[in-house]
N, C-alpha and C. Protein backbone atom coordinates (compact mmCIF):
# COMPACT_ATOMS: atom_id res chain seq x y z
N MET A 1 28.54 3.65 -14.84
CA MET A 1 27.75 4.22 -15.90
C MET A 1 27.12 5.53 -15.43
N THR A 2 27.23 6.59 -16.22
CA THR A 2 26.67 7.87 -15.83
C THR A 2 25.22 7.99 -16.29
N GLU A 3 24.46 8.80 -15.56
CA GLU A 3 23.06 9.02 -15.90
C GLU A 3 22.93 9.94 -17.11
N ASN A 4 21.97 9.68 -17.94
CA ASN A 4 21.70 10.61 -19.03
C ASN A 4 20.75 11.70 -18.52
N LYS A 5 20.47 12.69 -19.35
CA LYS A 5 19.64 13.82 -18.93
C LYS A 5 18.24 13.38 -18.53
N PHE A 6 17.69 12.43 -19.27
CA PHE A 6 16.35 11.95 -18.94
C PHE A 6 16.32 11.31 -17.57
N GLU A 7 17.29 10.49 -17.26
CA GLU A 7 17.33 9.82 -15.96
C GLU A 7 17.45 10.84 -14.83
N LYS A 8 18.25 11.88 -15.04
CA LYS A 8 18.38 12.94 -14.03
C LYS A 8 17.05 13.66 -13.85
N TYR A 9 16.40 13.98 -14.96
CA TYR A 9 15.10 14.65 -14.91
C TYR A 9 14.08 13.79 -14.18
N GLU A 10 14.05 12.51 -14.52
CA GLU A 10 13.08 11.60 -13.92
C GLU A 10 13.27 11.52 -12.41
N LYS A 11 14.50 11.42 -11.95
CA LYS A 11 14.76 11.38 -10.51
C LYS A 11 14.31 12.67 -9.83
N THR A 12 14.62 13.80 -10.45
CA THR A 12 14.23 15.10 -9.89
C THR A 12 12.72 15.22 -9.86
N TYR A 13 12.07 14.83 -10.96
CA TYR A 13 10.61 14.92 -11.03
C TYR A 13 9.97 14.11 -9.90
N TRP A 14 10.42 12.89 -9.69
CA TRP A 14 9.80 12.06 -8.68
C TRP A 14 10.07 12.57 -7.27
N LYS A 15 11.23 13.17 -7.05
CA LYS A 15 11.49 13.79 -5.74
C LYS A 15 10.50 14.92 -5.51
N LEU A 16 10.32 15.76 -6.54
CA LEU A 16 9.37 16.88 -6.41
C LEU A 16 7.96 16.36 -6.25
N TRP A 17 7.56 15.36 -7.03
CA TRP A 17 6.21 14.84 -6.93
C TRP A 17 5.95 14.25 -5.55
N ASN A 18 6.93 13.61 -4.94
CA ASN A 18 6.74 13.08 -3.59
C ASN A 18 6.45 14.20 -2.60
N LYS A 19 7.11 15.35 -2.77
CA LYS A 19 6.82 16.50 -1.91
C LYS A 19 5.43 17.05 -2.22
N ASP A 20 5.11 17.19 -3.50
CA ASP A 20 3.79 17.70 -3.91
C ASP A 20 2.68 16.79 -3.43
N ARG A 21 2.90 15.50 -3.50
CA ARG A 21 1.88 14.53 -3.09
C ARG A 21 1.52 14.72 -1.62
N LYS A 22 2.49 15.08 -0.80
CA LYS A 22 2.21 15.34 0.61
C LYS A 22 1.28 16.54 0.75
N ILE A 23 1.53 17.57 -0.05
CA ILE A 23 0.67 18.76 0.00
C ILE A 23 -0.73 18.42 -0.49
N VAL A 24 -0.82 17.71 -1.60
CA VAL A 24 -2.11 17.35 -2.17
C VAL A 24 -2.89 16.45 -1.21
N SER A 25 -2.21 15.60 -0.48
CA SER A 25 -2.89 14.70 0.44
C SER A 25 -3.59 15.46 1.57
N LEU A 26 -3.17 16.68 1.84
CA LEU A 26 -3.84 17.48 2.86
C LEU A 26 -5.30 17.72 2.49
N ILE A 27 -5.60 17.82 1.21
CA ILE A 27 -6.98 18.01 0.77
C ILE A 27 -7.79 16.76 1.03
N ASP A 28 -7.19 15.61 0.84
CA ASP A 28 -7.89 14.36 1.10
C ASP A 28 -8.31 14.27 2.57
N GLU A 29 -7.50 14.88 3.44
CA GLU A 29 -7.80 14.85 4.87
C GLU A 29 -8.83 15.91 5.25
N LYS A 30 -8.98 16.92 4.43
CA LYS A 30 -9.95 18.00 4.70
C LYS A 30 -11.26 17.69 4.02
N LYS A 31 -11.95 18.74 3.65
CA LYS A 31 -13.24 18.58 2.98
C LYS A 31 -13.08 18.77 1.48
N PRO A 32 -13.91 18.16 0.69
CA PRO A 32 -13.77 18.25 -0.77
C PRO A 32 -14.13 19.62 -1.34
N ASP A 33 -14.88 20.43 -0.61
CA ASP A 33 -15.27 21.74 -1.13
C ASP A 33 -14.35 22.86 -0.65
N LEU A 34 -13.10 22.53 -0.48
CA LEU A 34 -12.09 23.48 -0.02
C LEU A 34 -11.87 24.59 -1.04
N SER A 35 -11.64 25.81 -0.59
CA SER A 35 -11.31 26.94 -1.46
C SER A 35 -9.85 27.30 -1.24
N ILE A 36 -9.07 27.29 -2.33
CA ILE A 36 -7.63 27.50 -2.24
C ILE A 36 -7.22 28.74 -3.00
N LEU A 37 -6.42 29.58 -2.36
CA LEU A 37 -5.80 30.74 -2.99
C LEU A 37 -4.33 30.38 -3.18
N ASP A 38 -3.91 30.25 -4.43
CA ASP A 38 -2.54 29.82 -4.73
C ASP A 38 -1.76 31.02 -5.28
N LEU A 39 -0.95 31.62 -4.43
CA LEU A 39 -0.13 32.78 -4.83
C LEU A 39 1.13 32.27 -5.50
N GLY A 40 1.33 32.65 -6.75
CA GLY A 40 2.46 32.15 -7.52
C GLY A 40 2.20 30.73 -7.96
N CYS A 41 1.06 30.52 -8.61
CA CYS A 41 0.61 29.17 -8.95
C CYS A 41 1.42 28.51 -10.05
N GLY A 42 2.28 29.26 -10.73
CA GLY A 42 3.10 28.67 -11.78
C GLY A 42 2.24 28.11 -12.89
N PHE A 43 2.54 26.89 -13.30
CA PHE A 43 1.78 26.24 -14.37
C PHE A 43 0.49 25.62 -13.87
N GLY A 44 0.25 25.64 -12.56
CA GLY A 44 -0.96 25.05 -12.00
C GLY A 44 -0.84 23.57 -11.72
N LYS A 45 0.39 23.09 -11.56
CA LYS A 45 0.62 21.66 -11.35
C LYS A 45 -0.10 21.15 -10.10
N LEU A 46 0.08 21.82 -8.99
CA LEU A 46 -0.60 21.40 -7.77
C LEU A 46 -2.10 21.67 -7.88
N ASP A 47 -2.46 22.78 -8.51
CA ASP A 47 -3.86 23.15 -8.62
C ASP A 47 -4.67 22.10 -9.39
N TYR A 48 -4.04 21.50 -10.37
CA TYR A 48 -4.69 20.43 -11.13
C TYR A 48 -5.13 19.30 -10.17
N HIS A 49 -4.25 18.93 -9.28
CA HIS A 49 -4.56 17.85 -8.34
C HIS A 49 -5.59 18.31 -7.30
N PHE A 50 -5.53 19.57 -6.89
CA PHE A 50 -6.54 20.10 -5.97
C PHE A 50 -7.92 20.04 -6.60
N LYS A 51 -8.02 20.47 -7.87
CA LYS A 51 -9.30 20.48 -8.57
C LYS A 51 -9.84 19.06 -8.76
N LYS A 52 -8.96 18.11 -9.04
CA LYS A 52 -9.40 16.72 -9.20
C LYS A 52 -10.07 16.22 -7.92
N ARG A 53 -9.71 16.80 -6.80
CA ARG A 53 -10.28 16.39 -5.51
C ARG A 53 -11.46 17.27 -5.10
N GLY A 54 -11.91 18.13 -6.01
CA GLY A 54 -13.11 18.91 -5.76
C GLY A 54 -12.89 20.30 -5.18
N ALA A 55 -11.67 20.76 -5.08
CA ALA A 55 -11.40 22.09 -4.52
C ALA A 55 -11.65 23.18 -5.56
N TYR A 56 -12.01 24.36 -5.07
CA TYR A 56 -12.11 25.57 -5.89
C TYR A 56 -10.74 26.24 -5.80
N VAL A 57 -10.15 26.62 -6.94
CA VAL A 57 -8.80 27.19 -6.92
C VAL A 57 -8.78 28.55 -7.61
N PHE A 58 -8.28 29.55 -6.89
CA PHE A 58 -8.03 30.88 -7.43
C PHE A 58 -6.51 31.02 -7.49
N GLY A 59 -5.96 31.08 -8.70
CA GLY A 59 -4.52 31.17 -8.86
C GLY A 59 -4.06 32.58 -9.18
N VAL A 60 -2.85 32.88 -8.79
CA VAL A 60 -2.23 34.17 -9.08
C VAL A 60 -0.86 33.90 -9.67
N GLU A 61 -0.62 34.46 -10.86
CA GLU A 61 0.68 34.25 -11.52
C GLU A 61 0.95 35.44 -12.42
N GLN A 62 2.18 35.90 -12.46
CA GLN A 62 2.52 37.03 -13.33
C GLN A 62 3.37 36.66 -14.53
N ASN A 63 3.95 35.47 -14.55
CA ASN A 63 4.75 35.03 -15.69
C ASN A 63 3.82 34.62 -16.83
N GLU A 64 3.92 35.29 -17.97
CA GLU A 64 3.00 35.08 -19.09
C GLU A 64 2.98 33.66 -19.62
N GLU A 65 4.13 33.01 -19.70
CA GLU A 65 4.18 31.64 -20.19
C GLU A 65 3.44 30.69 -19.25
N ARG A 66 3.62 30.91 -17.96
CA ARG A 66 2.94 30.06 -16.98
C ARG A 66 1.45 30.33 -16.94
N VAL A 67 1.08 31.59 -17.15
CA VAL A 67 -0.34 31.97 -17.16
C VAL A 67 -1.08 31.20 -18.24
N LYS A 68 -0.48 31.05 -19.39
CA LYS A 68 -1.13 30.36 -20.51
C LYS A 68 -1.54 28.93 -20.14
N VAL A 69 -0.73 28.27 -19.36
CA VAL A 69 -1.03 26.90 -18.94
C VAL A 69 -1.96 26.91 -17.73
N ALA A 70 -1.67 27.76 -16.76
CA ALA A 70 -2.44 27.77 -15.52
C ALA A 70 -3.91 28.11 -15.76
N GLU A 71 -4.20 28.96 -16.72
CA GLU A 71 -5.60 29.33 -16.92
C GLU A 71 -6.42 28.17 -17.47
N LEU A 72 -5.78 27.11 -17.92
CA LEU A 72 -6.49 25.91 -18.33
C LEU A 72 -6.86 25.04 -17.13
N VAL A 73 -6.25 25.33 -15.98
CA VAL A 73 -6.40 24.47 -14.81
C VAL A 73 -7.28 25.09 -13.72
N VAL A 74 -7.01 26.33 -13.35
CA VAL A 74 -7.66 26.93 -12.18
C VAL A 74 -9.06 27.45 -12.52
N ASP A 75 -9.86 27.69 -11.47
CA ASP A 75 -11.21 28.23 -11.66
C ASP A 75 -11.15 29.71 -12.03
N GLU A 76 -10.30 30.44 -11.33
CA GLU A 76 -10.09 31.87 -11.62
C GLU A 76 -8.60 32.12 -11.59
N LEU A 77 -8.15 33.07 -12.40
CA LEU A 77 -6.72 33.37 -12.45
C LEU A 77 -6.53 34.87 -12.53
N TYR A 78 -5.71 35.40 -11.63
CA TYR A 78 -5.32 36.81 -11.69
C TYR A 78 -3.95 36.87 -12.33
N LYS A 79 -3.83 37.62 -13.41
CA LYS A 79 -2.56 37.75 -14.12
C LYS A 79 -1.84 38.99 -13.59
N GLY A 80 -0.92 38.80 -12.71
CA GLY A 80 -0.18 39.91 -12.13
C GLY A 80 0.36 39.53 -10.77
N SER A 81 0.80 40.53 -10.04
CA SER A 81 1.39 40.33 -8.72
C SER A 81 0.31 40.33 -7.65
N PHE A 82 0.48 39.50 -6.65
CA PHE A 82 -0.48 39.49 -5.55
C PHE A 82 -0.28 40.68 -4.62
N LEU A 83 0.70 41.52 -4.90
CA LEU A 83 0.92 42.72 -4.10
C LEU A 83 0.18 43.94 -4.65
N GLU A 84 -0.46 43.79 -5.81
CA GLU A 84 -1.16 44.91 -6.44
C GLU A 84 -2.53 45.13 -5.79
N ASN A 85 -2.93 46.39 -5.69
CA ASN A 85 -4.24 46.72 -5.12
C ASN A 85 -5.36 46.11 -5.94
N GLU A 86 -5.20 46.09 -7.26
CA GLU A 86 -6.23 45.52 -8.12
C GLU A 86 -6.52 44.07 -7.75
N PHE A 87 -5.48 43.32 -7.44
CA PHE A 87 -5.66 41.93 -7.02
C PHE A 87 -6.43 41.87 -5.71
N LEU A 88 -6.03 42.68 -4.76
CA LEU A 88 -6.67 42.66 -3.45
C LEU A 88 -8.15 42.99 -3.56
N ASN A 89 -8.52 43.85 -4.50
CA ASN A 89 -9.92 44.20 -4.69
C ASN A 89 -10.72 43.05 -5.30
N LYS A 90 -10.08 42.12 -5.97
CA LYS A 90 -10.77 40.98 -6.59
C LYS A 90 -11.09 39.88 -5.57
N LEU A 91 -10.47 39.94 -4.42
CA LEU A 91 -10.68 38.89 -3.43
C LEU A 91 -12.00 39.09 -2.70
N THR A 92 -13.03 38.53 -3.24
CA THR A 92 -14.36 38.64 -2.63
C THR A 92 -14.76 37.34 -1.97
N LYS A 93 -14.02 36.30 -2.20
CA LYS A 93 -14.32 34.97 -1.67
C LYS A 93 -13.46 34.67 -0.47
N LYS A 94 -13.98 33.88 0.44
CA LYS A 94 -13.21 33.44 1.60
C LYS A 94 -12.47 32.15 1.23
N PHE A 95 -11.20 32.05 1.59
CA PHE A 95 -10.39 30.89 1.29
C PHE A 95 -10.03 30.15 2.58
N ASP A 96 -9.86 28.83 2.45
CA ASP A 96 -9.55 27.98 3.62
C ASP A 96 -8.11 28.00 4.01
């Protein structure tokens, strides 16, 4: 029996989540008031889990569709490239 699209998606999602969970668990081992700079934060999937654990998250994303979702998740969001001088001037906070 062949897998349908949903089954393929579900397997892929869980493989990715297992990798993400390892990254998120690093916060559990650190301190809850961690400050994270996420370059290329995408939709903010990991950032959501960081925030749930008490971290401050500054996300950077230039894709407009992803920005719309990420700005619902992160504390601050820079819309553009992290290589721009304007972005570098906004970094006034120290990150862990």
